[in-house]
C-alpha atoms as a PDB file:
ATOM      1  CA  MET A   1      -7.365 -25.698 -16.385  1.00  0.00           C
ATOM      2  CA  LYS A   2      -3.873 -26.170 -15.010  1.00  0.00           C
ATOM      3  CA  ARG A   3      -1.957 -22.891 -15.169  1.00  0.00           C
ATOM      4  CA  PRO A   4       1.058 -23.181 -17.477  1.00  0.00           C
ATOM      5  CA  SER A   5       4.449 -21.874 -16.424  1.00  0.00           C
ATOM      6  CA  PRO A   6       5.885 -18.740 -18.075  1.00  0.00           C
ATOM      7  CA  GLU A   7       8.287 -20.977 -20.000  1.00  0.00           C
ATOM      8  CA  VAL A   8       5.408 -22.976 -21.477  1.00  0.00           C
ATOM      9  CA  ILE A   9       3.537 -19.803 -22.422  1.00  0.00           C
ATOM     10  CA  LYS A  10       6.654 -18.450 -24.127  1.00  0.00           C
ATOM     11  CA  ALA A  11       7.094 -21.743 -25.990  1.00  0.00           C
ATOM     12  CA  LEU A  12       3.461 -21.645 -27.163  1.00  0.00           C
ATOM     13  CA  ALA A  13       3.865 -18.039 -28.309  1.00  0.00           C
ATOM     14  CA  ASN A  14       7.014 -18.934 -30.246  1.00  0.00           C
ATOM     15  CA  THR A  15       5.364 -21.977 -31.800  1.00  0.00           C
ATOM     16  CA  VAL A  16       2.336 -20.024 -33.016  1.00  0.00           C
ATOM     17  CA  ARG A  17       4.552 -17.246 -34.348  1.00  0.00           C
ATOM     18  CA  GLN A  18       6.724 -19.713 -36.297  1.00  0.00           C
ATOM     19  CA  TYR A  19       4.025 -22.207 -37.243  1.00  0.00           C
ATOM     20  CA  PRO A  20       0.584 -20.533 -37.482  1.00  0.00           C
ATOM     21  CA  GLU A  21      -0.762 -23.697 -39.119  1.00  0.00           C
ATOM     22  CA  VAL A  22      -0.652 -25.384 -35.680  1.00  0.00           C
ATOM     23  CA  LEU A  23      -3.291 -22.966 -34.405  1.00  0.00           C
ATOM     24  CA  GLU A  24      -5.326 -23.363 -37.602  1.00  0.00           C
ATOM     25  CA  TRP A  25      -5.256 -27.147 -37.192  1.00  0.00           C
ATOM     26  CA  LEU A  26      -6.341 -26.980 -33.541  1.00  0.00           C
ATOM     27  CA  GLU A  27      -9.134 -24.520 -34.387  1.00  0.00           C
ATOM     28  CA  GLY A  28     -10.348 -26.842 -37.136  1.00  0.00           C
ATOM     29  CA  TRP A  29     -10.275 -29.842 -34.817  1.00  0.00           C
ATOM     30  CA  SER A  30     -12.128 -27.880 -32.144  1.00  0.00           C
ATOM     31  CA  THR A  31     -14.799 -26.779 -34.626  1.00  0.00           C
ATOM     32  CA  GLU A  32     -15.181 -30.329 -35.925  1.00  0.00           C
ATOM     33  CA  GLU A  33     -15.619 -31.749 -32.408  1.00  0.00           C
ATOM     34  CA  LEU A  34     -18.112 -29.018 -31.540  1.00  0.00           C
ATOM     35  CA  SER A  35     -20.181 -29.767 -34.644  1.00  0.00           C
ATOM     36  CA  ARG A  36     -20.287 -33.462 -33.703  1.00  0.00           C
ATOM     37  CA  LEU A  37     -21.396 -32.766 -30.126  1.00  0.00           C
ATOM     38  CA  PRO A  38     -25.175 -32.591 -30.772  1.00  0.00           C
ATOM     39  CA  ASN A  39     -25.028 -36.071 -32.347  1.00  0.00           C
ATOM     40  CA  ALA A  40     -22.990 -37.689 -29.569  1.00  0.00           C
ATOM     41  CA  THR A  41     -25.150 -40.548 -28.341  1.00  0.00           C
ATOM     42  CA  GLN A  42     -22.571 -42.571 -26.445  1.00  0.00           C
ATOM     43  CA  ASN A  43     -20.314 -41.075 -23.814  1.00  0.00           C
ATOM     44  CA  THR A  44     -21.622 -37.514 -24.114  1.00  0.00           C
ATOM     45  CA  ALA A  45     -19.503 -36.382 -21.161  1.00  0.00           C
ATOM     46  CA  LEU A  46     -16.341 -37.466 -22.990  1.00  0.00           C
ATOM     47  CA  ALA A  47     -17.351 -35.506 -26.094  1.00  0.00           C
ATOM     48  CA  GLN A  48     -18.153 -32.424 -23.986  1.00  0.00           C
ATOM     49  CA  GLY A  49     -14.823 -32.713 -22.175  1.00  0.00           C
ATOM     50  CA  ARG A  50     -12.944 -32.988 -25.462  1.00  0.00           C
ATOM     51  CA  CYS A  51     -14.661 -29.823 -26.735  1.00  0.00           C
ATOM     52  CA  GLN A  52     -13.895 -27.956 -23.527  1.00  0.00           C
ATOM     53  CA  ILE A  53     -10.220 -28.941 -23.514  1.00  0.00           C
ATOM     54  CA  LEU A  54      -9.760 -28.048 -27.175  1.00  0.00           C
ATOM     55  CA  ASN A  55     -11.486 -24.689 -26.721  1.00  0.00           C
ATOM     56  CA  GLU A  56      -9.347 -23.843 -23.679  1.00  0.00           C
ATOM     57  CA  LEU A  57      -6.183 -24.890 -25.492  1.00  0.00           C
ATOM     58  CA  VAL A  58      -7.048 -22.790 -28.556  1.00  0.00           C
ATOM     59  CA  GLU A  59      -7.779 -19.757 -26.372  1.00  0.00           C
ATOM     60  CA  LEU A  60      -4.532 -20.191 -24.443  1.00  0.00           C
ATOM     61  CA  ILE A  61      -2.529 -20.479 -27.654  1.00  0.00           C
ATOM     62  CA  LYS A  62      -4.234 -17.415 -29.151  1.00  0.00           C
ATOM     63  CA  LYS A  63      -3.433 -15.363 -26.052  1.00  0.00           C
ATOM     64  CA  SER A  64       0.046 -16.786 -25.435  1.00  0.00           C
ATOM     65  CA  PRO A  65       1.951 -13.932 -27.150  1.00  0.00           C
ATOM     66  CA  GLU A  66       0.103 -11.427 -24.949  1.00  0.00           C
ATOM     67  CA  TYR A  67       0.691 -13.514 -21.807  1.00  0.00           C
ATOM     68  CA  ALA A  68       4.362 -13.987 -22.675  1.00  0.00           C
ATOM     69  CA  ALA A  69       4.821 -10.226 -23.057  1.00  0.00           C
ATOM     70  CA  LYS A  70       3.090  -9.536 -19.734  1.00  0.00           C
ATOM     71  CA  SER A  71       5.154 -12.214 -18.035  1.00  0.00           C
ATOM     72  CA  PHE A  72       8.365 -10.711 -19.414  1.00  0.00           C
ATOM     73  CA  LEU A  73       7.377  -7.214 -18.252  1.00  0.00           C
ATOM     74  CA  PHE A  74       6.477  -8.532 -14.789  1.00  0.00           C
ATOM     75  CA  ILE A  75       9.871 -10.232 -14.431  1.00  0.00           C
ATOM     76  CA  LEU A  76      11.648  -7.146 -15.768  1.00  0.00           C
ATOM     77  CA  CYS A  77       9.861  -4.804 -13.337  1.00  0.00           C
ATOM     78  CA  LYS A  78      10.324  -7.200 -10.445  1.00  0.00           C
ATOM     79  CA  ASN A  79      14.089  -7.251 -11.056  1.00  0.00           C
ATOM     80  CA  CYS A  80      14.166  -3.428 -11.121  1.00  0.00           C
ATOM     81  CA  PHE A  81      12.918  -3.213  -7.542  1.00  0.00           C
ATOM     82  CA  GLU A  82      15.173  -5.863  -6.026  1.00  0.00           C
END
């Protein structure tokens, strides 16, 4: 997965904090795609890729508040020693 910038992580954290239904919708979509995977007869690789991307996105969004806080502390500490 491409590593998002600190700004993107902060934006995701803010979005989930303000609009938790976004995460709920993505989790539902991810679950739905995962349940369809065993029955994928055509283009199985595409279905697997979709599930992987959705799962990674959901995990990133769930952890974004934690990552944003760590990123902020890293920048804060870095500025203290300059």
